[in-house]
C-alpha atoms as a PDB file:
ATOM      1  CA  MET A   1      37.211  -8.480  85.055  1.00  0.00           C
ATOM      2  CA  LYS A   2      35.919  -7.536  81.592  1.00  0.00           C
ATOM      3  CA  ARG A   3      38.542  -9.779  79.964  1.00  0.00           C
ATOM      4  CA  ILE A   4      37.485 -12.699  82.159  1.00  0.00           C
ATOM      5  CA  LEU A   5      33.814 -12.147  81.322  1.00  0.00           C
ATOM      6  CA  GLY A   6      34.680 -11.890  77.612  1.00  0.00           C
ATOM      7  CA  LEU A   7      36.667 -15.107  77.762  1.00  0.00           C
ATOM      8  CA  LEU A   8      33.814 -16.886  79.539  1.00  0.00           C
ATOM      9  CA  PHE A   9      31.404 -15.655  76.852  1.00  0.00           C
ATOM     10  CA  VAL A  10      33.586 -17.001  74.027  1.00  0.00           C
ATOM     11  CA  ILE A  11      33.994 -20.355  75.815  1.00  0.00           C
ATOM     12  CA  SER A  12      30.252 -20.622  76.408  1.00  0.00           C
ATOM     13  CA  LEU A  13      29.620 -19.848  72.730  1.00  0.00           C
ATOM     14  CA  PHE A  14      31.904 -22.658  71.563  1.00  0.00           C
ATOM     15  CA  VAL A  15      30.230 -25.026  74.018  1.00  0.00           C
ATOM     16  CA  ALA A  16      26.710 -24.001  73.010  1.00  0.00           C
ATOM     17  CA  ILE A  17      27.186 -24.279  69.225  1.00  0.00           C
ATOM     18  CA  PRO A  18      28.096 -27.999  69.158  1.00  0.00           C
ATOM     19  CA  ALA A  19      25.263 -28.702  71.587  1.00  0.00           C
ATOM     20  CA  GLN A  20      22.771 -27.128  69.179  1.00  0.00           C
ATOM     21  CA  ALA A  21      24.292 -28.588  66.019  1.00  0.00           C
ATOM     22  CA  GLN A  22      22.004 -30.840  64.022  1.00  0.00           C
ATOM     23  CA  PHE A  23      23.225 -33.991  62.292  1.00  0.00           C
ATOM     24  CA  LYS A  24      20.846 -35.786  59.936  1.00  0.00           C
ATOM     25  CA  PHE A  25      20.998 -38.690  57.521  1.00  0.00           C
ATOM     26  CA  GLY A  26      18.836 -39.070  54.457  1.00  0.00           C
ATOM     27  CA  ILE A  27      18.199 -40.796  51.148  1.00  0.00           C
ATOM     28  CA  LYS A  28      18.495 -38.692  48.003  1.00  0.00           C
ATOM     29  CA  ALA A  29      17.308 -39.412  44.468  1.00  0.00           C
ATOM     30  CA  GLY A  30      17.071 -37.265  41.379  1.00  0.00           C
ATOM     31  CA  ALA A  31      17.596 -36.695  37.687  1.00  0.00           C
ATOM     32  CA  ASN A  32      20.710 -35.788  35.693  1.00  0.00           C
ATOM     33  CA  LEU A  33      19.876 -33.487  32.774  1.00  0.00           C
ATOM     34  CA  ALA A  34      23.160 -33.586  30.885  1.00  0.00           C
ATOM     35  CA  GLY A  35      24.052 -30.725  28.568  1.00  0.00           C
ATOM     36  CA  THR A  36      25.628 -30.958  25.126  1.00  0.00           C
ATOM     37  CA  PRO A  37      29.254 -32.192  25.174  1.00  0.00           C
ATOM     38  CA  SER A  38      31.289 -29.106  24.288  1.00  0.00           C
ATOM     39  CA  ASP A  39      33.480 -28.904  21.147  1.00  0.00           C
ATOM     40  CA  LEU A  40      31.742 -31.760  19.341  1.00  0.00           C
ATOM     41  CA  LYS A  41      29.152 -29.658  17.522  1.00  0.00           C
ATOM     42  CA  SER A  42      31.857 -27.216  16.481  1.00  0.00           C
ATOM     43  CA  GLU A  43      33.458 -30.140  14.640  1.00  0.00           C
ATOM     44  CA  GLY A  44      30.258 -30.738  12.701  1.00  0.00           C
ATOM     45  CA  LEU A  45      29.148 -33.734  14.788  1.00  0.00           C
ATOM     46  CA  SER A  46      25.666 -34.476  16.034  1.00  0.00           C
ATOM     47  CA  ALA A  47      25.844 -34.523  19.859  1.00  0.00           C
ATOM     48  CA  ASP A  48      23.491 -33.982  22.759  1.00  0.00           C
ATOM     49  CA  GLY A  49      23.164 -34.875  26.433  1.00  0.00           C
ATOM     50  CA  THR A  50      20.713 -37.454  27.745  1.00  0.00           C
ATOM     51  CA  THR A  51      18.634 -37.712  30.908  1.00  0.00           C
ATOM     52  CA  GLY A  52      19.879 -40.016  33.661  1.00  0.00           C
ATOM     53  CA  PHE A  53      19.401 -40.469  37.385  1.00  0.00           C
ATOM     54  CA  PHE A  54      21.203 -40.733  40.725  1.00  0.00           C
ATOM     55  CA  VAL A  55      20.405 -42.213  44.121  1.00  0.00           C
ATOM     56  CA  GLY A  56      22.189 -42.767  47.421  1.00  0.00           C
ATOM     57  CA  PRO A  57      22.664 -41.772  51.067  1.00  0.00           C
ATOM     58  CA  MET A  58      23.398 -38.274  52.293  1.00  0.00           C
ATOM     59  CA  ALA A  59      24.470 -36.710  55.587  1.00  0.00           C
ATOM     60  CA  LYS A  60      23.873 -33.127  56.692  1.00  0.00           C
ATOM     61  CA  PHE A  61      25.492 -31.210  59.547  1.00  0.00           C
ATOM     62  CA  THR A  62      24.047 -27.805  60.441  1.00  0.00           C
ATOM     63  CA  ILE A  63      24.754 -25.185  63.103  1.00  0.00           C
ATOM     64  CA  PRO A  64      21.342 -23.492  63.561  1.00  0.00           C
ATOM     65  CA  VAL A  65      22.728 -20.398  65.309  1.00  0.00           C
ATOM     66  CA  LEU A  66      24.927 -19.545  62.312  1.00  0.00           C
ATOM     67  CA  GLY A  67      22.936 -21.199  59.528  1.00  0.00           C
ATOM     68  CA  LEU A  68      26.130 -22.771  58.191  1.00  0.00           C
ATOM     69  CA  GLY A  69      26.528 -26.451  57.548  1.00  0.00           C
ATOM     70  CA  LEU A  70      27.993 -29.225  55.458  1.00  0.00           C
ATOM     71  CA  GLU A  71      26.380 -31.898  53.320  1.00  0.00           C
ATOM     72  CA  ALA A  72      28.094 -34.946  51.851  1.00  0.00           C
ATOM     73  CA  ASP A  73      26.495 -37.538  49.567  1.00  0.00           C
ATOM     74  CA  VAL A  74      27.578 -40.878  48.098  1.00  0.00           C
ATOM     75  CA  LEU A  75      25.541 -41.408  44.947  1.00  0.00           C
ATOM     76  CA  TYR A  76      25.237 -44.039  42.266  1.00  0.00           C
ATOM     77  CA  SER A  77      24.818 -41.997  39.116  1.00  0.00           C
ATOM     78  CA  ARG A  78      23.983 -42.683  35.482  1.00  0.00           C
ATOM     79  CA  THR A  79      24.424 -40.019  32.862  1.00  0.00           C
ATOM     80  CA  GLY A  80      25.169 -40.077  29.168  1.00  0.00           C
ATOM     81  CA  ALA A  81      25.309 -38.572  25.717  1.00  0.00           C
ATOM     82  CA  GLU A  82      24.072 -39.264  22.228  1.00  0.00           C
ATOM     83  CA  VAL A  83      26.765 -38.799  19.594  1.00  0.00           C
ATOM     84  CA  GLU A  84      26.076 -39.373  15.898  1.00  0.00           C
ATOM     85  CA  GLY A  85      22.959 -41.316  16.838  1.00  0.00           C
ATOM     86  CA  GLU A  86      24.724 -43.643  19.296  1.00  0.00           C
ATOM     87  CA  LYS A  87      23.828 -43.497  23.005  1.00  0.00           C
ATOM     88  CA  ILE A  88      26.693 -43.818  25.481  1.00  0.00           C
ATOM     89  CA  ASN A  89      25.938 -44.243  29.190  1.00  0.00           C
ATOM     90  CA  LYS A  90      28.325 -43.654  32.079  1.00  0.00           C
ATOM     91  CA  ASN A  91      27.867 -45.331  35.463  1.00  0.00           C
ATOM     92  CA  SER A  92      29.740 -43.735  38.337  1.00  0.00           C
ATOM     93  CA  ILE A  93      29.972 -43.094  42.045  1.00  0.00           C
ATOM     94  CA  GLU A  94      29.638 -39.371  42.691  1.00  0.00           C
ATOM     95  CA  ILE A  95      30.667 -37.751  45.982  1.00  0.00           C
ATOM     96  CA  PRO A  96      29.484 -34.144  46.249  1.00  0.00           C
ATOM     97  CA  VAL A  97      30.487 -32.102  49.311  1.00  0.00           C
ATOM     98  CA  TYR A  98      28.498 -28.914  49.888  1.00  0.00           C
ATOM     99  CA  LEU A  99      29.055 -25.886  52.075  1.00  0.00           C
ATOM    100  CA  ARG A 100      25.504 -24.813  52.885  1.00  0.00           C
ATOM    101  CA  TYR A 101      23.770 -21.788  54.289  1.00  0.00           C
ATOM    102  CA  ASP A 102      20.254 -22.365  55.619  1.00  0.00           C
ATOM    103  CA  PHE A 103      18.038 -19.294  55.946  1.00  0.00           C
ATOM    104  CA  SER A 104      16.215 -19.417  59.266  1.00  0.00           C
ATOM    105  CA  LEU A 105      13.177 -17.189  58.747  1.00  0.00           C
ATOM    106  CA  PRO A 106      10.637 -16.487  61.519  1.00  0.00           C
ATOM    107  CA  ILE A 107       7.401 -18.485  61.235  1.00  0.00           C
ATOM    108  CA  VAL A 108       8.298 -19.660  57.690  1.00  0.00           C
ATOM    109  CA  SER A 109      11.028 -21.961  59.054  1.00  0.00           C
ATOM    110  CA  LYS A 110       8.398 -24.229  60.572  1.00  0.00           C
ATOM    111  CA  VAL A 111       7.225 -25.041  57.057  1.00  0.00           C
ATOM    112  CA  ALA A 112      10.203 -24.378  54.763  1.00  0.00           C
ATOM    113  CA  VAL A 113      13.889 -23.578  55.228  1.00  0.00           C
ATOM    114  CA  PRO A 114      15.484 -22.225  52.025  1.00  0.00           C
ATOM    115  CA  PHE A 115      19.195 -22.876  51.468  1.00  0.00           C
ATOM    116  CA  VAL A 116      22.033 -22.270  49.049  1.00  0.00           C
ATOM    117  CA  ALA A 117      24.892 -24.717  48.544  1.00  0.00           C
ATOM    118  CA  VAL A 118      28.271 -24.773  46.809  1.00  0.00           C
ATOM    119  CA  GLY A 119      31.125 -27.251  46.711  1.00  0.00           C
ATOM    120  CA  PRO A 120      33.236 -29.760  44.789  1.00  0.00           C
ATOM    121  CA  GLN A 121      32.131 -33.113  43.434  1.00  0.00           C
ATOM    122  CA  PHE A 122      34.387 -36.124  42.876  1.00  0.00           C
ATOM    123  CA  GLY A 123      33.318 -38.709  40.307  1.00  0.00           C
ATOM    124  CA  PHE A 124      34.617 -42.241  39.706  1.00  0.00           C
ATOM    125  CA  ALA A 125      33.302 -44.142  36.686  1.00  0.00           C
ATOM    126  CA  PHE A 126      33.106 -47.923  36.590  1.00  0.00           C
ATOM    127  CA  GLY A 127      32.197 -50.551  34.029  1.00  0.00           C
ATOM    128  CA  SER A 128      32.291 -49.767  30.320  1.00  0.00           C
ATOM    129  CA  THR A 129      33.037 -46.097  29.655  1.00  0.00           C
ATOM    130  CA  ASP A 130      33.279 -46.057  25.853  1.00  0.00           C
ATOM    131  CA  GLU A 131      31.190 -46.856  22.810  1.00  0.00           C
ATOM    132  CA  ALA A 132      31.994 -47.164  19.102  1.00  0.00           C
ATOM    133  CA  ILE A 133      30.350 -44.352  17.131  1.00  0.00           C
ATOM    134  CA  ASN A 134      31.180 -45.927  13.786  1.00  0.00           C
ATOM    135  CA  ASP A 135      34.027 -47.926  12.216  1.00  0.00           C
ATOM    136  CA  PHE A 136      36.394 -45.002  12.652  1.00  0.00           C
ATOM    137  CA  ALA A 137      35.701 -43.430  16.047  1.00  0.00           C
ATOM    138  CA  LYS A 138      34.666 -44.111  19.629  1.00  0.00           C
ATOM    139  CA  TYR A 139      33.404 -41.864  22.414  1.00  0.00           C
ATOM    140  CA  GLU A 140      35.032 -42.408  25.806  1.00  0.00           C
ATOM    141  CA  TYR A 141      34.359 -40.999  29.281  1.00  0.00           C
ATOM    142  CA  LYS A 142      37.159 -40.255  31.724  1.00  0.00           C
ATOM    143  CA  LYS A 143      37.453 -42.688  34.632  1.00  0.00           C
ATOM    144  CA  SER A 144      37.507 -39.850  37.184  1.00  0.00           C
ATOM    145  CA  ASN A 145      36.724 -36.163  37.218  1.00  0.00           C
ATOM    146  CA  ILE A 146      36.211 -33.163  39.489  1.00  0.00           C
ATOM    147  CA  SER A 147      33.390 -30.675  39.111  1.00  0.00           C
ATOM    148  CA  LEU A 148      31.803 -27.751  40.961  1.00  0.00           C
ATOM    149  CA  ASN A 149      28.217 -27.669  42.238  1.00  0.00           C
ATOM    150  CA  LEU A 150      26.123 -24.503  42.597  1.00  0.00           C
ATOM    151  CA  GLY A 151      22.653 -25.034  43.938  1.00  0.00           C
ATOM    152  CA  ALA A 152      19.660 -23.920  45.967  1.00  0.00           C
ATOM    153  CA  GLY A 153      16.609 -25.503  47.480  1.00  0.00           C
ATOM    154  CA  ALA A 154      14.431 -25.836  50.539  1.00  0.00           C
ATOM    155  CA  ILE A 155      13.713 -28.253  53.388  1.00  0.00           C
ATOM    156  CA  LEU A 156       9.985 -28.784  53.856  1.00  0.00           C
ATOM    157  CA  LEU A 157       8.520 -29.722  57.248  1.00  0.00           C
ATOM    158  CA  SER A 158      12.031 -30.663  58.452  1.00  0.00           C
ATOM    159  CA  LYS A 159      11.860 -33.918  56.447  1.00  0.00           C
ATOM    160  CA  ILE A 160      11.750 -33.344  52.674  1.00  0.00           C
ATOM    161  CA  GLN A 161      14.635 -31.622  50.912  1.00  0.00           C
ATOM    162  CA  LEU A 162      14.187 -30.301  47.369  1.00  0.00           C
ATOM    163  CA  HIS A 163      17.337 -29.260  45.534  1.00  0.00           C
ATOM    164  CA  VAL A 164      18.170 -27.785  42.109  1.00  0.00           C
ATOM    165  CA  ASN A 165      21.848 -27.937  41.227  1.00  0.00           C
ATOM    166  CA  TYR A 166      24.128 -26.973  38.341  1.00  0.00           C
ATOM    167  CA  ASN A 167      27.202 -29.182  38.005  1.00  0.00           C
ATOM    168  CA  ILE A 168      30.127 -27.511  36.192  1.00  0.00           C
ATOM    169  CA  ALA A 169      32.931 -29.713  34.848  1.00  0.00           C
ATOM    170  CA  LEU A 170      36.385 -28.424  35.870  1.00  0.00           C
ATOM    171  CA  GLY A 171      38.230 -30.467  33.249  1.00  0.00           C
ATOM    172  CA  LYS A 172      37.492 -32.668  30.256  1.00  0.00           C
ATOM    173  CA  THR A 173      34.886 -35.320  30.949  1.00  0.00           C
ATOM    174  CA  SER A 174      35.132 -37.265  27.690  1.00  0.00           C
ATOM    175  CA  GLU A 175      36.835 -37.460  24.304  1.00  0.00           C
ATOM    176  CA  LEU A 176      36.157 -38.651  20.797  1.00  0.00           C
ATOM    177  CA  LYS A 177      38.978 -40.879  19.575  1.00  0.00           C
ATOM    178  CA  GLY A 178      39.791 -42.267  16.166  1.00  0.00           C
ATOM    179  CA  VAL A 179      40.274 -46.016  15.764  1.00  0.00           C
ATOM    180  CA  GLY A 180      42.133 -48.122  13.234  1.00  0.00           C
ATOM    181  CA  GLU A 181      43.529 -46.058  10.358  1.00  0.00           C
ATOM    182  CA  ALA A 182      41.590 -43.017  11.592  1.00  0.00           C
ATOM    183  CA  VAL A 183      43.688 -42.609  14.754  1.00  0.00           C
ATOM    184  CA  GLY A 184      44.612 -38.955  15.146  1.00  0.00           C
ATOM    185  CA  GLU A 185      44.157 -36.075  17.564  1.00  0.00           C
ATOM    186  CA  ALA A 186      41.287 -36.728  19.993  1.00  0.00           C
ATOM    187  CA  ILE A 187      38.499 -34.171  20.436  1.00  0.00           C
ATOM    188  CA  ASP A 188      38.149 -33.338  24.135  1.00  0.00           C
ATOM    189  CA  SER A 189      34.788 -32.308  25.524  1.00  0.00           C
ATOM    190  CA  LYS A 190      33.154 -31.143  28.750  1.00  0.00           C
ATOM    191  CA  THR A 191      29.602 -31.789  29.869  1.00  0.00           C
ATOM    192  CA  ASN A 192      27.806 -29.621  32.410  1.00  0.00           C
ATOM    193  CA  THR A 193      24.678 -31.033  34.026  1.00  0.00           C
ATOM    194  CA  TRP A 194      21.505 -29.713  35.623  1.00  0.00           C
ATOM    195  CA  GLN A 195      20.322 -31.840  38.523  1.00  0.00           C
ATOM    196  CA  VAL A 196      17.001 -31.889  40.363  1.00  0.00           C
ATOM    197  CA  SER A 197      16.560 -34.028  43.456  1.00  0.00           C
ATOM    198  CA  ALA A 198      14.423 -34.855  46.438  1.00  0.00           C
ATOM    199  CA  ALA A 199      15.665 -36.318  49.730  1.00  0.00           C
ATOM    200  CA  TYR A 200      14.000 -37.710  52.819  1.00  0.00           C
ATOM    201  CA  LEU A 201      15.745 -36.770  56.072  1.00  0.00           C
ATOM    202  CA  PHE A 202      15.546 -39.099  59.061  1.00  0.00           C
END
């Protein structure tokens, strides 16, 4: 009898969770605060990150009972760097996928729901991805890359999501190449990026 009751409890749990799951769409926009491309300064070059932006749709799936959920975005993103006085922009489609944990706190949850989020991001650049630095070198972004997101934020009044995120490159994101007679070994670099965003949830 106890086994039957236990089985019924487990079945009812699996039926109840999907029924309470919340699925929301939204529009997200924010700023890319790119860091310094690694390895370039060590070669005696002037290099720094620039400020860009991103915007696009998002979808969020949450299981309130457990606090766990998933978020996936499809974002048009612009980021860039300034190398030896030349600005190079990269346009891309970025697809971050987050595993989230929403903290459901008594009373406070009616106003704000804090969350933490982690997950991979897949980027696909399009258009021009390189720029001549001088007569002897050019800076070029990779056409695709994978990175890791670590972030936290809060949902206010069930509608506004604020999010601070640190994007960590998992491989080289760009390289400085010689051109003409200066062709030689390329200098690989990685760029990590702080991101701040706001989203409206429907």
